[in-house]
Amino acid sequence: MEEGTDERTKSLETEAIAPTPMFNNAKAITIEVK
């Protein structure tokens, strides 16, 4: 499950980097907290 989520998160991060880099940063923090 973690592996699948990681792949999905990577895709979301790549997409978020273009539209909202700040949002991506928040997501990265969430991943670390998790």
PDB file of N, CA and C in Angstrom:
ATOM      1  N   MET A   1       0.855  -1.209   0.000  1.00  0.00           N
ATOM      2  CA  MET A   1       0.000   0.000   0.000  1.00  0.00           C
ATOM      3  C   MET A   1       0.889   1.256   0.000  1.00  0.00           C
ATOM      4  N   GLU A   2       1.874   1.248   0.852  1.00  0.00           N
ATOM      5  CA  GLU A   2       2.755   2.435   0.927  1.00  0.00           C
ATOM      6  C   GLU A   2       3.423   2.685  -0.422  1.00  0.00           C
ATOM      7  N   GLU A   3       3.877   1.607  -1.046  1.00  0.00           N
ATOM      8  CA  GLU A   3       4.552   1.767  -2.345  1.00  0.00           C
ATOM      9  C   GLU A   3       3.598   2.397  -3.349  1.00  0.00           C
ATOM     10  N   GLY A   4       2.381   1.874  -3.415  1.00  0.00           N
ATOM     11  CA  GLY A   4       1.397   2.427  -4.361  1.00  0.00           C
ATOM     12  C   GLY A   4       1.137   3.898  -4.050  1.00  0.00           C
ATOM     13  N   THR A   5       0.962   4.213  -2.798  1.00  0.00           N
ATOM     14  CA  THR A   5       0.702   5.611  -2.435  1.00  0.00           C
ATOM     15  C   THR A   5       1.881   6.485  -2.834  1.00  0.00           C
ATOM     16  N   ASP A   6       3.072   5.969  -2.634  1.00  0.00           N
ATOM     17  CA  ASP A   6       4.260   6.760  -2.980  1.00  0.00           C
ATOM     18  C   ASP A   6       4.237   7.099  -4.473  1.00  0.00           C
ATOM     19  N   GLU A   7       3.949   6.103  -5.299  1.00  0.00           N
ATOM     20  CA  GLU A   7       3.910   6.355  -6.750  1.00  0.00           C
ATOM     21  C   GLU A   7       2.830   7.385  -7.057  1.00  0.00           C
ATOM     22  N   ARG A   8       1.693   7.233  -6.449  1.00  0.00           N
ATOM     23  CA  ARG A   8       0.584   8.163  -6.707  1.00  0.00           C
ATOM     24  C   ARG A   8       0.995   9.560  -6.233  1.00  0.00           C
ATOM     25  N   THR A   9       1.575   9.647  -5.090  1.00  0.00           N
ATOM     26  CA  THR A   9       1.995  10.955  -4.563  1.00  0.00           C
ATOM     27  C   THR A   9       2.997  11.598  -5.509  1.00  0.00           C
ATOM     28  N   LYS A  10       3.906  10.795  -6.036  1.00  0.00           N
ATOM     29  CA  LYS A  10       4.923  11.348  -6.954  1.00  0.00           C
ATOM     30  C   LYS A  10       4.221  11.978  -8.156  1.00  0.00           C
ATOM     31  N   SER A  11       3.244  11.289  -8.692  1.00  0.00           N
ATOM     32  CA  SER A  11       2.512  11.820  -9.859  1.00  0.00           C
ATOM     33  C   SER A  11       1.825  13.129  -9.464  1.00  0.00           C
ATOM     34  N   LEU A  12       1.175  13.126  -8.330  1.00  0.00           N
ATOM     35  CA  LEU A  12       0.461  14.334  -7.879  1.00  0.00           C
ATOM     36  C   LEU A  12       1.462  15.457  -7.650  1.00  0.00           C
ATOM     37  N   GLU A  13       2.583  15.122  -7.069  1.00  0.00           N
ATOM     38  CA  GLU A  13       3.601  16.160  -6.810  1.00  0.00           C
ATOM     39  C   GLU A  13       4.080  16.772  -8.119  1.00  0.00           C
ATOM     40  N   THR A  14       4.389  15.945  -9.084  1.00  0.00           N
ATOM     41  CA  THR A  14       4.867  16.449 -10.385  1.00  0.00           C
ATOM     42  C   THR A  14       3.815  17.374 -10.983  1.00  0.00           C
ATOM     43  N   GLU A  15       2.562  16.993 -10.877  1.00  0.00           N
ATOM     44  CA  GLU A  15       1.492  17.826 -11.453  1.00  0.00           C
ATOM     45  C   GLU A  15       1.321  19.097 -10.627  1.00  0.00           C
ATOM     46  N   ALA A  16       1.473  18.976  -9.333  1.00  0.00           N
ATOM     47  CA  ALA A  16       1.280  20.148  -8.460  1.00  0.00           C
ATOM     48  C   ALA A  16       2.425  21.140  -8.640  1.00  0.00           C
ATOM     49  N   ILE A  17       3.593  20.638  -8.960  1.00  0.00           N
ATOM     50  CA  ILE A  17       4.756  21.544  -9.103  1.00  0.00           C
ATOM     51  C   ILE A  17       4.451  22.606 -10.164  1.00  0.00           C
ATOM     52  N   ALA A  18       3.795  22.223 -11.227  1.00  0.00           N
ATOM     53  CA  ALA A  18       3.523  23.179 -12.315  1.00  0.00           C
ATOM     54  C   ALA A  18       2.479  24.215 -11.888  1.00  0.00           C
ATOM     55  N   PRO A  19       1.303  23.788 -11.442  1.00  0.00           N
ATOM     56  CA  PRO A  19       0.232  24.729 -11.100  1.00  0.00           C
ATOM     57  C   PRO A  19       0.475  25.444  -9.776  1.00  0.00           C
ATOM     58  N   THR A  20       0.905  24.712  -8.752  1.00  0.00           N
ATOM     59  CA  THR A  20       1.089  25.344  -7.438  1.00  0.00           C
ATOM     60  C   THR A  20       2.278  24.726  -6.717  1.00  0.00           C
ATOM     61  N   PRO A  21       3.426  25.348  -6.804  1.00  0.00           N
ATOM     62  CA  PRO A  21       4.617  24.837  -6.124  1.00  0.00           C
ATOM     63  C   PRO A  21       4.455  24.867  -4.607  1.00  0.00           C
ATOM     64  N   MET A  22       3.745  25.837  -4.116  1.00  0.00           N
ATOM     65  CA  MET A  22       3.536  25.932  -2.654  1.00  0.00           C
ATOM     66  C   MET A  22       2.746  24.718  -2.174  1.00  0.00           C
ATOM     67  N   PHE A  23       1.709  24.370  -2.921  1.00  0.00           N
ATOM     68  CA  PHE A  23       0.888  23.210  -2.543  1.00  0.00           C
ATOM     69  C   PHE A  23       1.771  21.970  -2.476  1.00  0.00           C
ATOM     70  N   ASN A  24       2.671  21.845  -3.430  1.00  0.00           N
ATOM     71  CA  ASN A  24       3.567  20.672  -3.454  1.00  0.00           C
ATOM     72  C   ASN A  24       4.389  20.645  -2.174  1.00  0.00           C
ATOM     73  N   ASN A  25       4.848  21.781  -1.753  1.00  0.00           N
ATOM     74  CA  ASN A  25       5.663  21.848  -0.532  1.00  0.00           C
ATOM     75  C   ASN A  25       4.854  21.317   0.655  1.00  0.00           C
ATOM     76  N   ALA A  26       3.621  21.747   0.767  1.00  0.00           N
ATOM     77  CA  ALA A  26       2.770  21.296   1.876  1.00  0.00           C
ATOM     78  C   ALA A  26       2.599  19.780   1.793  1.00  0.00           C
ATOM     79  N   LYS A  27       2.450  19.272   0.579  1.00  0.00           N
ATOM     80  CA  LYS A  27       2.254  17.827   0.429  1.00  0.00           C
ATOM     81  C   LYS A  27       3.519  17.099   0.889  1.00  0.00           C
ATOM     82  N   ALA A  28       4.669  17.611   0.531  1.00  0.00           N
ATOM     83  CA  ALA A  28       5.930  16.964   0.931  1.00  0.00           C
ATOM     84  C   ALA A  28       6.005  16.907   2.457  1.00  0.00           C
ATOM     85  N   ILE A  29       5.605  17.972   3.108  1.00  0.00           N
ATOM     86  CA  ILE A  29       5.638  18.004   4.581  1.00  0.00           C
ATOM     87  C   ILE A  29       4.699  16.929   5.129  1.00  0.00           C
ATOM     88  N   THR A  30       3.526  16.828   4.518  1.00  0.00           N
ATOM     89  CA  THR A  30       2.558  15.818   4.975  1.00  0.00           C
ATOM     90  C   THR A  30       3.164  14.429   4.851  1.00  0.00           C
ATOM     91  N   ILE A  31       3.862  14.194   3.760  1.00  0.00           N
ATOM     92  CA  ILE A  31       4.473  12.871   3.558  1.00  0.00           C
ATOM     93  C   ILE A  31       5.484  12.615   4.674  1.00  0.00           C
ATOM     94  N   GLU A  32       6.284  13.610   4.989  1.00  0.00           N
ATOM     95  CA  GLU A  32       7.299  13.434   6.044  1.00  0.00           C
ATOM     96  C   GLU A  32       6.611  13.163   7.377  1.00  0.00           C
ATOM     97  N   VAL A  33       5.578  13.910   7.681  1.00  0.00           N
ATOM     98  CA  VAL A  33       4.855  13.728   8.947  1.00  0.00           C
ATOM     99  C   VAL A  33       4.281  12.317   8.995  1.00  0.00           C
ATOM    100  N   LYS A  34       3.749  11.867   7.864  1.00  0.00           N
ATOM    101  CA  LYS A  34       3.155  10.523   7.819  1.00  0.00           C
ATOM    102  C   LYS A  34       4.266   9.521   8.073  1.00  0.00           C
TER     103      LYS A  34
END
